Amino acid sequence: MSLHQRNAAIIQERKSGKTYNDIASNFELSPSSIQQIVKRYHMEEERGERSSNFVADIRKFNDIDKKWSTETLLHGLHFSYLAKRCLTRHFESSKLSEISLKDIMDFLITDYEEIPYDLREAFPVFKQKNVGWKTVWALFKFFSEQNLGPSFSTEWNKRLKLFIAFITEQEMTVPDWLRQCGS
């Protein structure tokens, strides 16, 4: 049983009314460990709910230029660890206390008319220390899967097409998921 499966089983037992002591003996853990697992689950559930509410607010405003607290936007969108770390570093070094969805897009894919020669010019994210394709793919995939309103979708898809054109011209392979998003 994986850790994830074990924790899910613990949560299920707790929801069914079992005590921490009963669950602890079933899983050969201490009651305090069970309590921590349950607490972490509730915190994650609450965080997910706050994130869903925040995303609903973003969709309601439908304005990619609307400024949000940097911390609120980066935490509220529920980025993966690598993606959030990359974005946090960039915006902390820029000393911006408020950012917009467009600011994030500008960091990932600049809005250019002619295809630049340099990867870093087209995609400032690559200027970030220790950022490689894995982080970039995670950011692009995350943003591509979001429903943050029509203005966001229109602008993001336009920028994805720019990115696809750039990497195609450089004779790099375009992942299938990205090709589908950008069409």
N, C-alpha and C. Protein backbone atom coordinates (compact mmCIF):
# COMPACT_ATOMS: atom_id res chain seq x y z
N MET A 1 0.85 -1.18 0.00
CA MET A 1 0.00 0.00 0.00
C MET A 1 0.90 1.24 0.00
N SER A 2 0.64 2.14 -0.93
CA SER A 2 1.42 3.37 -0.99
C SER A 2 1.04 4.29 0.17
N LEU A 3 1.88 5.27 0.39
CA LEU A 3 1.61 6.26 1.44
C LEU A 3 0.29 6.99 1.18
N HIS A 4 0.08 7.33 -0.07
CA HIS A 4 -1.16 8.02 -0.44
C HIS A 4 -2.38 7.13 -0.15
N GLN A 5 -2.29 5.86 -0.52
CA GLN A 5 -3.40 4.93 -0.27
C GLN A 5 -3.63 4.74 1.23
N ARG A 6 -2.52 4.63 1.97
CA ARG A 6 -2.64 4.47 3.42
C ARG A 6 -3.33 5.67 4.05
N ASN A 7 -2.89 6.87 3.66
CA ASN A 7 -3.49 8.08 4.22
C ASN A 7 -4.96 8.22 3.85
N ALA A 8 -5.30 7.82 2.63
CA ALA A 8 -6.71 7.85 2.20
C ALA A 8 -7.54 6.89 3.05
N ALA A 9 -6.98 5.72 3.33
CA ALA A 9 -7.68 4.74 4.17
C ALA A 9 -7.85 5.27 5.59
N ILE A 10 -6.83 5.95 6.09
CA ILE A 10 -6.91 6.55 7.44
C ILE A 10 -8.02 7.60 7.48
N ILE A 11 -8.08 8.45 6.47
CA ILE A 11 -9.11 9.49 6.41
C ILE A 11 -10.49 8.85 6.34
N GLN A 12 -10.61 7.81 5.55
CA GLN A 12 -11.89 7.12 5.42
C GLN A 12 -12.34 6.54 6.76
N GLU A 13 -11.40 5.93 7.47
CA GLU A 13 -11.75 5.37 8.79
C GLU A 13 -12.15 6.47 9.76
N ARG A 14 -11.46 7.59 9.70
CA ARG A 14 -11.79 8.71 10.60
C ARG A 14 -13.18 9.26 10.27
N LYS A 15 -13.49 9.36 8.98
CA LYS A 15 -14.81 9.83 8.56
C LYS A 15 -15.91 8.87 8.99
N SER A 16 -15.56 7.60 9.10
CA SER A 16 -16.58 6.63 9.51
C SER A 16 -16.78 6.61 11.03
N GLY A 17 -16.02 7.46 11.75
CA GLY A 17 -16.24 7.62 13.18
C GLY A 17 -15.26 6.92 14.09
N LYS A 18 -14.25 6.27 13.54
CA LYS A 18 -13.28 5.58 14.39
C LYS A 18 -12.41 6.59 15.14
N THR A 19 -11.95 6.19 16.29
CA THR A 19 -11.10 7.05 17.11
C THR A 19 -9.66 7.01 16.60
N TYR A 20 -8.87 7.99 17.01
CA TYR A 20 -7.45 8.01 16.64
C TYR A 20 -6.75 6.74 17.15
N ASN A 21 -7.10 6.31 18.35
CA ASN A 21 -6.48 5.10 18.92
C ASN A 21 -6.80 3.86 18.09
N ASP A 22 -8.07 3.72 17.69
CA ASP A 22 -8.47 2.56 16.88
C ASP A 22 -7.73 2.55 15.54
N ILE A 23 -7.69 3.71 14.90
CA ILE A 23 -7.03 3.80 13.60
C ILE A 23 -5.53 3.53 13.76
N ALA A 24 -4.94 4.09 14.81
CA ALA A 24 -3.50 3.92 15.06
C ALA A 24 -3.15 2.44 15.18
N SER A 25 -3.96 1.70 15.89
CA SER A 25 -3.65 0.27 16.06
C SER A 25 -3.82 -0.49 14.74
N ASN A 26 -4.76 -0.08 13.92
CA ASN A 26 -4.95 -0.73 12.62
C ASN A 26 -3.76 -0.52 11.68
N PHE A 27 -3.13 0.63 11.78
CA PHE A 27 -2.04 0.99 10.85
C PHE A 27 -0.66 0.95 11.51
N GLU A 28 -0.62 0.51 12.76
CA GLU A 28 0.63 0.43 13.52
C GLU A 28 1.36 1.78 13.54
N LEU A 29 0.59 2.81 13.84
CA LEU A 29 1.11 4.16 14.00
C LEU A 29 0.66 4.68 15.35
N SER A 30 1.25 5.80 15.77
CA SER A 30 0.80 6.40 17.02
C SER A 30 -0.47 7.22 16.78
N PRO A 31 -1.28 7.40 17.81
CA PRO A 31 -2.47 8.25 17.67
C PRO A 31 -2.12 9.68 17.21
N SER A 32 -0.98 10.18 17.69
CA SER A 32 -0.59 11.55 17.27
C SER A 32 -0.24 11.59 15.78
N SER A 33 0.33 10.52 15.23
CA SER A 33 0.61 10.46 13.79
C SER A 33 -0.69 10.47 13.00
N ILE A 34 -1.66 9.71 13.47
CA ILE A 34 -2.97 9.68 12.82
C ILE A 34 -3.60 11.07 12.86
N GLN A 35 -3.49 11.72 14.01
CA GLN A 35 -4.04 13.06 14.16
C GLN A 35 -3.38 14.04 13.18
N GLN A 36 -2.07 13.92 13.00
CA GLN A 36 -1.35 14.79 12.06
C GLN A 36 -1.82 14.54 10.62
N ILE A 37 -1.99 13.29 10.26
CA ILE A 37 -2.45 12.95 8.90
C ILE A 37 -3.83 13.54 8.65
N VAL A 38 -4.72 13.40 9.63
CA VAL A 38 -6.08 13.93 9.50
C VAL A 38 -6.04 15.46 9.43
N LYS A 39 -5.22 16.07 10.27
CA LYS A 39 -5.11 17.54 10.27
C LYS A 39 -4.58 18.04 8.92
N ARG A 40 -3.55 17.38 8.39
CA ARG A 40 -2.99 17.74 7.09
C ARG A 40 -4.05 17.62 5.99
N TYR A 41 -4.84 16.57 6.06
CA TYR A 41 -5.90 16.35 5.08
C TYR A 41 -6.90 17.51 5.13
N HIS A 42 -7.32 17.90 6.33
CA HIS A 42 -8.29 19.00 6.45
C HIS A 42 -7.70 20.33 5.99
N MET A 43 -6.41 20.55 6.28
CA MET A 43 -5.76 21.78 5.82
C MET A 43 -5.70 21.82 4.29
N GLU A 44 -5.37 20.69 3.69
CA GLU A 44 -5.29 20.62 2.23
C GLU A 44 -6.67 20.80 1.59
N GLU A 45 -7.67 20.23 2.22
CA GLU A 45 -9.05 20.38 1.75
C GLU A 45 -9.48 21.85 1.81
N GLU A 46 -9.15 22.51 2.91
CA GLU A 46 -9.48 23.93 3.08
C GLU A 46 -8.72 24.78 2.06
N ARG A 47 -7.46 24.45 1.84
CA ARG A 47 -6.65 25.17 0.87
C ARG A 47 -7.24 25.02 -0.54
N GLY A 48 -7.68 23.83 -0.87
CA GLY A 48 -8.31 23.58 -2.16
C GLY A 48 -9.58 24.38 -2.34
N GLU A 49 -10.36 24.47 -1.27
CA GLU A 49 -11.60 25.24 -1.33
C GLU A 49 -11.31 26.73 -1.52
N ARG A 50 -10.32 27.25 -0.78
CA ARG A 50 -9.95 28.66 -0.94
C ARG A 50 -9.46 28.92 -2.37
N SER A 51 -8.68 27.99 -2.89
CA SER A 51 -8.18 28.12 -4.25
C SER A 51 -9.32 28.13 -5.25
N SER A 52 -10.29 27.25 -5.08
CA SER A 52 -11.45 27.20 -5.99
C SER A 52 -12.22 28.51 -5.94
N ASN A 53 -12.41 29.05 -4.75
CA ASN A 53 -13.11 30.33 -4.61
C ASN A 53 -12.33 31.46 -5.28
N PHE A 54 -11.00 31.42 -5.13
CA PHE A 54 -10.15 32.45 -5.73
C PHE A 54 -10.22 32.37 -7.26
N VAL A 55 -10.15 31.17 -7.79
CA VAL A 55 -10.23 30.98 -9.24
C VAL A 55 -11.59 31.47 -9.75
N ALA A 56 -12.64 31.22 -8.99
CA ALA A 56 -13.98 31.71 -9.37
C ALA A 56 -13.98 33.24 -9.44
N ASP A 57 -13.29 33.89 -8.49
CA ASP A 57 -13.18 35.35 -8.51
C ASP A 57 -12.44 35.82 -9.76
N ILE A 58 -11.36 35.14 -10.10
CA ILE A 58 -10.59 35.51 -11.29
C ILE A 58 -11.47 35.40 -12.53
N ARG A 59 -12.21 34.30 -12.64
CA ARG A 59 -13.11 34.12 -13.79
C ARG A 59 -14.17 35.22 -13.83
N LYS A 60 -14.69 35.57 -12.66
CA LYS A 60 -15.74 36.59 -12.58
C LYS A 60 -15.23 37.93 -13.11
N PHE A 61 -14.01 38.31 -12.73
CA PHE A 61 -13.46 39.59 -13.18
C PHE A 61 -13.09 39.54 -14.66
N ASN A 62 -12.63 38.38 -15.14
CA ASN A 62 -12.28 38.19 -16.55
C ASN A 62 -11.37 39.32 -17.06
N ASP A 63 -10.35 39.64 -16.28
CA ASP A 63 -9.44 40.75 -16.60
C ASP A 63 -8.01 40.31 -16.31
N ILE A 64 -7.26 40.02 -17.36
CA ILE A 64 -5.90 39.52 -17.15
C ILE A 64 -4.96 40.60 -16.65
N ASP A 65 -5.38 41.86 -16.70
CA ASP A 65 -4.54 42.96 -16.20
C ASP A 65 -4.84 43.32 -14.75
N LYS A 66 -5.88 42.73 -14.17
CA LYS A 66 -6.23 43.03 -12.78
C LYS A 66 -5.08 42.61 -11.86
N LYS A 67 -4.68 43.52 -11.00
CA LYS A 67 -3.58 43.25 -10.07
C LYS A 67 -4.11 42.56 -8.81
N TRP A 68 -3.37 41.57 -8.38
CA TRP A 68 -3.65 40.83 -7.16
C TRP A 68 -2.38 40.85 -6.32
N SER A 69 -2.53 40.67 -5.03
CA SER A 69 -1.35 40.51 -4.19
C SER A 69 -0.54 39.35 -4.77
N THR A 70 0.77 39.53 -4.90
CA THR A 70 1.63 38.49 -5.47
C THR A 70 1.44 37.17 -4.74
N GLU A 71 1.47 37.23 -3.43
CA GLU A 71 1.32 36.01 -2.63
C GLU A 71 -0.05 35.37 -2.86
N THR A 72 -1.08 36.19 -2.89
CA THR A 72 -2.44 35.67 -3.08
C THR A 72 -2.57 34.98 -4.43
N LEU A 73 -2.06 35.61 -5.49
CA LEU A 73 -2.19 35.02 -6.82
C LEU A 73 -1.38 33.73 -6.95
N LEU A 74 -0.15 33.74 -6.47
CA LEU A 74 0.70 32.55 -6.62
C LEU A 74 0.21 31.39 -5.75
N HIS A 75 -0.28 31.69 -4.56
CA HIS A 75 -0.79 30.61 -3.70
C HIS A 75 -2.20 30.20 -4.11
N GLY A 76 -2.99 31.16 -4.54
CA GLY A 76 -4.38 30.88 -4.88
C GLY A 76 -4.56 30.03 -6.12
N LEU A 77 -3.58 30.08 -7.03
CA LEU A 77 -3.70 29.30 -8.25
C LEU A 77 -3.26 27.85 -8.06
N HIS A 78 -2.66 27.56 -6.93
CA HIS A 78 -2.35 26.16 -6.59
C HIS A 78 -1.35 25.54 -7.57
N PHE A 79 -0.28 26.28 -7.87
CA PHE A 79 0.78 25.78 -8.73
C PHE A 79 1.49 24.60 -8.09
N SER A 80 2.16 23.80 -8.91
CA SER A 80 3.01 22.74 -8.38
C SER A 80 4.16 23.39 -7.62
N TYR A 81 4.86 22.60 -6.83
CA TYR A 81 5.96 23.13 -6.02
C TYR A 81 7.01 23.81 -6.90
N LEU A 82 7.49 23.13 -7.94
CA LEU A 82 8.53 23.69 -8.81
C LEU A 82 8.07 24.99 -9.47
N ALA A 83 6.86 24.98 -9.98
CA ALA A 83 6.32 26.14 -10.66
C ALA A 83 6.19 27.33 -9.70
N LYS A 84 5.64 27.06 -8.52
CA LYS A 84 5.46 28.14 -7.54
C LYS A 84 6.81 28.71 -7.10
N ARG A 85 7.79 27.83 -6.90
CA ARG A 85 9.12 28.29 -6.50
C ARG A 85 9.73 29.19 -7.56
N CYS A 86 9.61 28.81 -8.82
CA CYS A 86 10.14 29.60 -9.92
C CYS A 86 9.46 30.97 -9.98
N LEU A 87 8.15 30.99 -9.93
CA LEU A 87 7.40 32.25 -9.99
C LEU A 87 7.68 33.13 -8.78
N THR A 88 7.73 32.53 -7.61
CA THR A 88 7.99 33.29 -6.39
C THR A 88 9.36 33.96 -6.47
N ARG A 89 10.36 33.22 -6.89
CA ARG A 89 11.71 33.80 -7.03
C ARG A 89 11.70 34.99 -7.97
N HIS A 90 11.06 34.82 -9.10
CA HIS A 90 11.04 35.89 -10.09
C HIS A 90 10.36 37.15 -9.55
N PHE A 91 9.16 36.99 -8.99
CA PHE A 91 8.43 38.16 -8.56
C PHE A 91 8.99 38.76 -7.27
N GLU A 92 9.63 37.95 -6.42
CA GLU A 92 10.31 38.52 -5.25
C GLU A 92 11.51 39.35 -5.69
N SER A 93 12.27 38.84 -6.67
CA SER A 93 13.44 39.60 -7.14
C SER A 93 13.01 40.87 -7.87
N SER A 94 11.83 40.86 -8.45
CA SER A 94 11.29 42.05 -9.12
C SER A 94 10.70 43.04 -8.13
N LYS A 95 10.56 42.61 -6.88
CA LYS A 95 10.02 43.42 -5.80
C LYS A 95 8.62 43.95 -6.11
N LEU A 96 7.81 43.09 -6.74
CA LEU A 96 6.43 43.45 -7.04
C LEU A 96 5.52 42.90 -5.96
N SER A 97 4.73 43.77 -5.35
CA SER A 97 3.81 43.31 -4.32
C SER A 97 2.46 42.91 -4.92
N GLU A 98 2.21 43.40 -6.15
CA GLU A 98 0.98 43.04 -6.86
C GLU A 98 1.33 42.65 -8.28
N ILE A 99 0.69 41.58 -8.76
CA ILE A 99 0.91 41.12 -10.13
C ILE A 99 -0.44 40.71 -10.74
N SER A 100 -0.42 40.55 -12.05
CA SER A 100 -1.61 40.13 -12.78
C SER A 100 -1.32 38.82 -13.49
N LEU A 101 -2.36 38.22 -14.03
CA LEU A 101 -2.17 37.03 -14.85
C LEU A 101 -1.29 37.37 -16.05
N LYS A 102 -1.45 38.56 -16.58
CA LYS A 102 -0.64 38.98 -17.73
C LYS A 102 0.83 39.08 -17.35
N ASP A 103 1.12 39.52 -16.13
CA ASP A 103 2.51 39.57 -15.67
C ASP A 103 3.13 38.18 -15.66
N ILE A 104 2.35 37.20 -15.23
CA ILE A 104 2.85 35.82 -15.23
C ILE A 104 3.06 35.36 -16.67
N MET A 105 2.10 35.65 -17.54
CA MET A 105 2.25 35.26 -18.94
C MET A 105 3.48 35.92 -19.57
N ASP A 106 3.71 37.22 -19.26
CA ASP A 106 4.88 37.92 -19.80
C ASP A 106 6.18 37.27 -19.35
N PHE A 107 6.19 36.74 -18.16
CA PHE A 107 7.36 36.03 -17.64
C PHE A 107 7.57 34.71 -18.37
N LEU A 108 6.48 34.06 -18.72
CA LEU A 108 6.58 32.76 -19.38
C LEU A 108 6.82 32.88 -20.88
N ILE A 109 6.00 33.68 -21.56
CA ILE A 109 6.08 33.85 -23.01
C ILE A 109 5.84 35.32 -23.32
N THR A 110 6.86 36.00 -23.82
CA THR A 110 6.66 37.41 -24.15
C THR A 110 5.73 37.52 -25.35
N ASP A 111 5.06 38.63 -25.46
CA ASP A 111 4.13 38.88 -26.55
C ASP A 111 4.91 39.55 -27.67
N TYR A 112 5.47 38.75 -28.57
CA TYR A 112 6.30 39.29 -29.63
C TYR A 112 5.63 39.12 -30.99
N GLU A 113 6.03 39.97 -31.94
CA GLU A 113 5.45 39.88 -33.28
C GLU A 113 6.33 39.07 -34.21
N GLU A 114 7.64 39.28 -34.13
CA GLU A 114 8.58 38.51 -34.95
C GLU A 114 9.30 37.52 -34.05
N ILE A 115 9.47 36.32 -34.53
CA ILE A 115 10.10 35.29 -33.72
C ILE A 115 11.53 35.70 -33.38
N PRO A 116 11.84 35.82 -32.08
CA PRO A 116 13.19 36.20 -31.66
C PRO A 116 14.18 35.06 -31.92
N TYR A 117 15.46 35.41 -31.92
CA TYR A 117 16.50 34.40 -32.12
C TYR A 117 16.86 33.69 -30.83
N ASP A 118 16.67 34.37 -29.73
CA ASP A 118 17.13 33.87 -28.44
C ASP A 118 15.99 33.33 -27.60
N LEU A 119 16.18 32.15 -27.06
CA LEU A 119 15.18 31.50 -26.20
C LEU A 119 14.84 32.37 -24.99
N ARG A 120 15.85 32.99 -24.38
CA ARG A 120 15.63 33.79 -23.18
C ARG A 120 14.88 35.09 -23.48
N GLU A 121 15.05 35.60 -24.67
CA GLU A 121 14.32 36.81 -25.06
C GLU A 121 12.83 36.50 -25.23
N ALA A 122 12.56 35.37 -25.83
CA ALA A 122 11.17 34.98 -26.08
C ALA A 122 10.48 34.48 -24.82
N PHE A 123 11.26 33.82 -23.95
CA PHE A 123 10.70 33.17 -22.77
C PHE A 123 11.56 33.51 -21.55
N PRO A 124 11.28 34.66 -20.92
CA PRO A 124 12.09 35.13 -19.79
C PRO A 124 12.21 34.13 -18.64
N VAL A 125 11.30 33.17 -18.55
CA VAL A 125 11.37 32.16 -17.50
C VAL A 125 12.73 31.46 -17.54
N PHE A 126 13.34 31.34 -18.73
CA PHE A 126 14.63 30.66 -18.84
C PHE A 126 15.78 31.48 -18.27
N LYS A 127 15.55 32.76 -17.96
CA LYS A 127 16.58 33.57 -17.32
C LYS A 127 16.70 33.22 -15.83
N GLN A 128 15.68 32.60 -15.30
CA GLN A 128 15.63 32.23 -13.89
C GLN A 128 16.66 31.13 -13.61
N LYS A 129 17.42 31.28 -12.54
CA LYS A 129 18.43 30.30 -12.17
C LYS A 129 17.78 28.94 -11.89
N ASN A 130 18.39 27.89 -12.38
CA ASN A 130 17.95 26.50 -12.18
C ASN A 130 16.59 26.18 -12.78
N VAL A 131 16.21 26.89 -13.82
CA VAL A 131 14.95 26.58 -14.50
C VAL A 131 15.28 25.90 -15.81
N GLY A 132 14.68 24.74 -15.98
CA GLY A 132 14.87 23.99 -17.22
C GLY A 132 13.53 23.64 -17.82
N TRP A 133 13.58 22.74 -18.78
CA TRP A 133 12.36 22.37 -19.49
C TRP A 133 11.31 21.75 -18.58
N LYS A 134 11.74 21.00 -17.58
CA LYS A 134 10.77 20.35 -16.69
C LYS A 134 9.88 21.39 -16.00
N THR A 135 10.48 22.45 -15.49
CA THR A 135 9.71 23.51 -14.83
C THR A 135 8.85 24.26 -15.84
N VAL A 136 9.42 24.55 -17.00
CA VAL A 136 8.67 25.27 -18.03
C VAL A 136 7.46 24.45 -18.47
N TRP A 137 7.66 23.16 -18.72
CA TRP A 137 6.53 22.32 -19.12
C TRP A 137 5.47 22.30 -18.02
N ALA A 138 5.90 22.22 -16.77
CA ALA A 138 4.94 22.19 -15.66
C ALA A 138 4.13 23.49 -15.63
N LEU A 139 4.78 24.62 -15.81
CA LEU A 139 4.08 25.90 -15.82
C LEU A 139 3.12 26.01 -17.01
N PHE A 140 3.60 25.66 -18.19
CA PHE A 140 2.77 25.76 -19.38
C PHE A 140 1.57 24.82 -19.28
N LYS A 141 1.82 23.61 -18.84
CA LYS A 141 0.74 22.62 -18.73
C LYS A 141 -0.29 23.09 -17.70
N PHE A 142 0.19 23.58 -16.56
CA PHE A 142 -0.72 24.07 -15.53
C PHE A 142 -1.60 25.18 -16.08
N PHE A 143 -0.97 26.20 -16.68
CA PHE A 143 -1.74 27.33 -17.21
C PHE A 143 -2.71 26.87 -18.30
N SER A 144 -2.29 25.92 -19.12
CA SER A 144 -3.13 25.44 -20.22
C SER A 144 -4.35 24.69 -19.72
N GLU A 145 -4.28 24.13 -18.54
CA GLU A 145 -5.39 23.36 -17.98
C GLU A 145 -6.37 24.22 -17.18
N GLN A 146 -6.06 25.49 -17.00
CA GLN A 146 -6.89 26.35 -16.17
C GLN A 146 -8.03 26.98 -16.95
N ASN A 147 -9.13 27.17 -16.25
CA ASN A 147 -10.26 27.92 -16.79
C ASN A 147 -10.32 29.21 -15.99
N LEU A 148 -9.58 30.21 -16.44
CA LEU A 148 -9.49 31.47 -15.72
C LEU A 148 -10.23 32.59 -16.44
N GLY A 149 -11.15 32.23 -17.31
CA GLY A 149 -11.97 33.22 -18.01
C GLY A 149 -11.58 33.34 -19.46
N PRO A 150 -12.50 33.88 -20.27
CA PRO A 150 -12.27 34.00 -21.71
C PRO A 150 -11.07 34.87 -22.08
N SER A 151 -10.87 35.98 -21.38
CA SER A 151 -9.74 36.86 -21.75
C SER A 151 -8.42 36.14 -21.49
N PHE A 152 -8.35 35.37 -20.41
CA PHE A 152 -7.14 34.59 -20.12
C PHE A 152 -6.92 33.55 -21.21
N SER A 153 -7.95 32.78 -21.51
CA SER A 153 -7.82 31.70 -22.49
C SER A 153 -7.39 32.22 -23.85
N THR A 154 -7.99 33.31 -24.29
CA THR A 154 -7.64 33.90 -25.58
C THR A 154 -6.17 34.30 -25.62
N GLU A 155 -5.73 35.02 -24.60
CA GLU A 155 -4.34 35.50 -24.56
C GLU A 155 -3.36 34.34 -24.40
N TRP A 156 -3.67 33.41 -23.53
CA TRP A 156 -2.75 32.29 -23.30
C TRP A 156 -2.61 31.43 -24.55
N ASN A 157 -3.71 31.15 -25.23
CA ASN A 157 -3.64 30.35 -26.46
C ASN A 157 -2.84 31.06 -27.54
N LYS A 158 -2.98 32.39 -27.62
CA LYS A 158 -2.20 33.17 -28.58
C LYS A 158 -0.70 33.01 -28.28
N ARG A 159 -0.36 33.08 -27.01
CA ARG A 159 1.05 32.96 -26.62
C ARG A 159 1.58 31.54 -26.82
N LEU A 160 0.74 30.56 -26.57
CA LEU A 160 1.16 29.17 -26.83
C LEU A 160 1.48 28.97 -28.30
N LYS A 161 0.70 29.58 -29.17
CA LYS A 161 0.98 29.48 -30.61
C LYS A 161 2.34 30.11 -30.94
N LEU A 162 2.67 31.21 -30.28
CA LEU A 162 3.98 31.83 -30.47
C LEU A 162 5.08 30.87 -30.02
N PHE A 163 4.86 30.25 -28.89
CA PHE A 163 5.84 29.31 -28.36
C PHE A 163 6.03 28.12 -29.30
N ILE A 164 4.92 27.57 -29.76
CA ILE A 164 4.98 26.43 -30.68
C ILE A 164 5.72 26.82 -31.97
N ALA A 165 5.44 28.01 -32.48
CA ALA A 165 6.12 28.48 -33.69
C ALA A 165 7.63 28.60 -33.44
N PHE A 166 7.99 29.12 -32.27
CA PHE A 166 9.41 29.28 -31.94
C PHE A 166 10.11 27.93 -31.88
N ILE A 167 9.56 26.99 -31.11
CA ILE A 167 10.28 25.73 -30.95
C ILE A 167 10.23 24.89 -32.23
N THR A 168 9.20 25.07 -33.04
CA THR A 168 9.15 24.38 -34.34
C THR A 168 10.24 24.93 -35.25
N GLU A 169 10.40 26.27 -35.26
CA GLU A 169 11.45 26.88 -36.09
C GLU A 169 12.84 26.44 -35.63
N GLN A 170 12.99 26.20 -34.33
CA GLN A 170 14.27 25.74 -33.79
C GLN A 170 14.46 24.23 -33.97
N GLU A 171 13.49 23.60 -34.64
CA GLU A 171 13.49 22.17 -34.91
C GLU A 171 13.52 21.35 -33.63
N MET A 172 12.78 21.85 -32.64
CA MET A 172 12.62 21.13 -31.38
C MET A 172 11.28 20.41 -31.43
N THR A 173 11.15 19.37 -30.63
CA THR A 173 9.92 18.59 -30.60
C THR A 173 8.87 19.27 -29.74
N VAL A 174 7.67 19.38 -30.28
CA VAL A 174 6.55 19.96 -29.55
C VAL A 174 5.78 18.79 -28.92
N PRO A 175 5.65 18.78 -27.59
CA PRO A 175 4.87 17.69 -26.96
C PRO A 175 3.43 17.68 -27.48
N ASP A 176 2.86 16.50 -27.59
CA ASP A 176 1.49 16.36 -28.09
C ASP A 176 0.49 17.18 -27.28
N TRP A 177 0.61 17.14 -25.93
CA TRP A 177 -0.35 17.88 -25.10
C TRP A 177 -0.29 19.37 -25.40
N LEU A 178 0.93 19.88 -25.73
CA LEU A 178 1.08 21.29 -26.01
C LEU A 178 0.51 21.62 -27.38
N ARG A 179 0.72 20.75 -28.34
CA ARG A 179 0.19 20.96 -29.67
C ARG A 179 -1.35 21.04 -29.62
N GLN A 180 -1.96 20.19 -28.79
CA GLN A 180 -3.42 20.19 -28.64
C GLN A 180 -3.91 21.48 -27.98
N CYS A 181 -3.17 21.95 -26.97
CA CYS A 181 -3.57 23.18 -26.27
C CYS A 181 -3.48 24.39 -27.18
N GLY A 182 -2.46 24.44 -28.00
CA GLY A 182 -2.22 25.62 -28.82
C GLY A 182 -3.02 25.67 -30.10
N SER A 183 -3.85 24.67 -30.35
CA SER A 183 -4.60 24.69 -31.62
C SER A 183 -5.96 25.31 -31.48
